C-alpha cells in the first residue's frame, strides 16, 4: 500500500496515469487502429451486436407496398376465417397496426357493398395460397 501511495505522489492522480497509459498505447500501436489498442488495454466494454435480438418483422403489406382496397376481394379474403367469416387479429396476420385497421375497414366496406359474404369465406377463394398460418400465430395472444 505504501508503494502505491508513493507512486501516486510521484506521478499524480489515477486519472493522469490512465490518460498517460492510453496515449502511450495509442502511440505505440503499430498497424492497428488506436481505438482497438485503447479498448484492449483498458477495461472498457466492447460494442458487439446482441445475439438474442430478434429480426425486425415487417408487415407483408408494407413490404410489398400494397394498399388494401374494398374492391380487391381476393386479397381481403386472406384475412378472413373460411368457416366463420371472422377477421383475423394482428397477432395472427402479422400486420402492422395501420394496415390491420385498413384491412378491417376494407372488409367491412366490401361486406356492406355485398362484394364479400359476412359469415363465411367465398368458395372461389378457399384454395388460394395462405399468407400466414392461422393455427400458428406470429405473436402469442394476450389471453
Protein backbone atom coordinates (compact mmCIF):
# COMPACT_ATOMS: atom_id res chain seq x y z
CA UNK A 1 0.00 0.00 0.00
CA UNK A 2 2.86 2.34 0.83
CA UNK A 3 4.45 1.74 -2.60
CA UNK A 4 1.20 2.64 -4.35
CA UNK A 5 0.84 5.88 -2.36
CA UNK A 6 4.44 6.81 -3.21
CA UNK A 7 3.78 6.01 -6.90
CA UNK A 8 0.70 8.25 -6.88
CA UNK A 9 2.63 11.07 -5.25
CA UNK A 10 5.32 10.85 -7.92
CA UNK A 11 3.04 10.54 -10.99
CA UNK A 12 -0.07 12.47 -9.99
CA UNK A 13 -3.65 11.20 -9.77
CA UNK A 14 -5.08 7.95 -11.10
CA UNK A 15 -6.80 9.81 -13.95
CA UNK A 16 -3.50 11.24 -15.19
CA UNK A 17 -1.91 7.80 -15.03
CA UNK A 18 -4.77 6.33 -17.10
CA UNK A 19 -4.51 9.13 -19.69
CA UNK A 20 -0.75 8.63 -19.99
CA UNK A 21 -1.11 4.89 -20.48
CA UNK A 22 -3.81 5.37 -23.14
CA UNK A 23 -1.65 7.87 -25.00
CA UNK A 24 1.37 5.59 -24.82
CA UNK A 25 -0.64 2.61 -26.03
CA UNK A 26 -2.16 4.55 -28.95
CA UNK A 27 1.29 5.91 -29.93
CA UNK A 28 2.98 2.53 -29.66
CA UNK A 29 0.33 0.60 -31.61
CA UNK A 30 1.80 -0.16 -34.99
CA UNK A 31 -0.51 -1.26 -37.79
CA UNK A 32 -3.63 -1.27 -35.60
CA UNK A 33 -6.10 1.50 -35.01
CA UNK A 34 -5.71 3.49 -31.83
CA UNK A 35 -9.30 2.70 -30.79
CA UNK A 36 -8.69 -1.04 -30.87
CA UNK A 37 -5.47 -0.66 -28.90
CA UNK A 38 -7.17 1.53 -26.31
CA UNK A 39 -10.14 -0.79 -25.84
CA UNK A 40 -7.95 -3.90 -25.44
CA UNK A 41 -5.59 -2.22 -22.96
CA UNK A 42 -8.24 -0.68 -20.73
CA UNK A 43 -11.16 -2.45 -19.16
CA UNK A 44 -13.84 -0.75 -21.26
CA UNK A 45 -16.82 -2.57 -22.78
CA UNK A 46 -16.63 -3.62 -26.43
CA UNK A 47 -19.50 -2.93 -28.82
CA UNK A 48 -20.83 -6.25 -30.11
CA UNK A 49 -24.24 -6.99 -31.65
CA UNK A 50 -26.86 -8.57 -29.43
CA UNK A 51 -27.04 -12.28 -30.35
CA UNK A 52 -30.53 -12.61 -28.81
CA UNK A 53 -32.06 -9.66 -30.68
CA UNK A 54 -34.96 -10.74 -32.88
CA UNK A 55 -35.06 -9.78 -36.52
CA UNK A 56 -37.40 -6.84 -37.09
CA UNK A 57 -40.62 -8.24 -38.57
CA UNK A 58 -42.07 -6.19 -41.41
CA UNK A 59 -45.75 -6.23 -42.29
CA UNK A 60 -46.31 -8.16 -45.55
CA UNK A 61 -48.47 -5.39 -47.00
CA UNK A 62 -45.92 -2.70 -46.11
CA UNK A 63 -43.07 -4.80 -47.52
CA UNK A 64 -44.75 -5.07 -50.94
CA UNK A 65 -46.33 -1.59 -50.73
CA UNK A 66 -49.91 -2.89 -51.07
CA UNK A 67 -52.85 -0.68 -50.15
CA UNK A 68 -55.95 -2.73 -49.20
CA UNK A 69 -58.96 -1.79 -51.30
CA UNK A 70 -62.54 -2.93 -50.76
CA UNK A 71 -62.78 -4.00 -54.43
CA UNK A 72 -59.83 -6.43 -54.08
CA UNK A 73 -61.90 -9.22 -52.56
CA UNK A 74 -59.30 -11.94 -53.24
CA UNK A 75 -56.71 -10.18 -51.06
CA UNK A 76 -59.20 -9.33 -48.33
CA UNK A 77 -60.48 -12.90 -48.14
CA UNK A 78 -57.00 -13.99 -47.00
CA UNK A 79 -57.60 -12.14 -43.72
CA UNK A 80 -61.00 -13.75 -43.11
CA UNK A 81 -61.69 -17.12 -41.47
CA UNK A 82 -63.08 -19.64 -44.00
CA UNK A 83 -65.52 -21.14 -41.50
CA UNK A 84 -66.87 -18.20 -39.53
CA UNK A 85 -66.06 -15.17 -41.68
CA UNK A 86 -64.33 -13.58 -38.69
CA UNK A 87 -61.45 -11.17 -39.41
CA UNK A 88 -58.15 -12.49 -38.06
CA UNK A 89 -56.36 -10.34 -35.49
CA UNK A 90 -52.94 -8.71 -35.74
CA UNK A 91 -51.28 -11.39 -33.66
CA UNK A 92 -52.25 -13.96 -36.32
CA UNK A 93 -51.81 -11.95 -39.53
CA UNK A 94 -48.59 -10.18 -38.53
CA UNK A 95 -49.80 -6.88 -39.99
CA UNK A 96 -48.82 -3.52 -38.54
CA UNK A 97 -51.47 -1.54 -36.69
CA UNK A 98 -52.19 0.84 -39.58
CA UNK A 99 -52.56 -1.86 -42.24
CA UNK A 100 -54.69 -4.04 -39.95
CA UNK A 101 -57.09 -1.13 -39.46
CA UNK A 102 -57.17 -0.52 -43.23
CA UNK A 103 -57.86 -4.22 -43.91
CA UNK A 104 -60.67 -4.32 -41.35
CA UNK A 105 -62.25 -1.18 -42.79
CA UNK A 106 -61.96 -2.52 -46.35
CA UNK A 107 -63.50 -5.89 -45.36
CA UNK A 108 -66.47 -4.26 -43.62
CA UNK A 109 -66.96 -1.93 -46.59
CA UNK A 110 -66.80 -4.88 -49.05
CA UNK A 111 -69.33 -6.77 -46.91
CA UNK A 112 -71.73 -3.81 -46.83
CA UNK A 113 -71.37 -3.44 -50.62
CA UNK A 114 -72.20 -7.17 -50.95
CA UNK A 115 -68.85 -7.98 -52.58
CA UNK A 116 -67.88 -10.38 -49.77
CA UNK A 117 -70.00 -12.73 -47.69
CA UNK A 118 -70.14 -11.85 -43.99
CA UNK A 119 -70.43 -15.27 -42.33
CA UNK A 120 -68.13 -17.48 -44.41
CA UNK A 121 -65.32 -17.23 -46.93
CA UNK A 122 -66.19 -17.28 -50.62
CA UNK A 123 -65.78 -20.79 -52.05
CA UNK A 124 -63.76 -19.49 -55.03
CA UNK A 125 -61.01 -18.26 -52.68
CA UNK A 126 -60.67 -21.27 -50.35
CA UNK A 127 -57.84 -22.86 -52.38
CA UNK A 128 -55.79 -19.63 -52.54
CA UNK A 129 -52.26 -19.79 -51.08
CA UNK A 130 -52.05 -18.71 -47.45
CA UNK A 131 -50.24 -15.52 -46.42
CA UNK A 132 -49.97 -16.80 -42.82
CA UNK A 133 -50.85 -19.84 -40.73
CA UNK A 134 -53.91 -19.16 -38.51
CA UNK A 135 -53.06 -22.19 -36.36
CA UNK A 136 -49.62 -20.78 -35.51
CA UNK A 137 -49.85 -17.06 -34.64
CA UNK A 138 -46.92 -14.71 -35.23
CA UNK A 139 -47.17 -13.38 -31.68
CA UNK A 140 -48.79 -15.10 -28.71
CA UNK A 141 -52.24 -13.81 -27.84
CA UNK A 142 -52.73 -11.89 -24.58
CA UNK A 143 -55.42 -14.32 -23.29
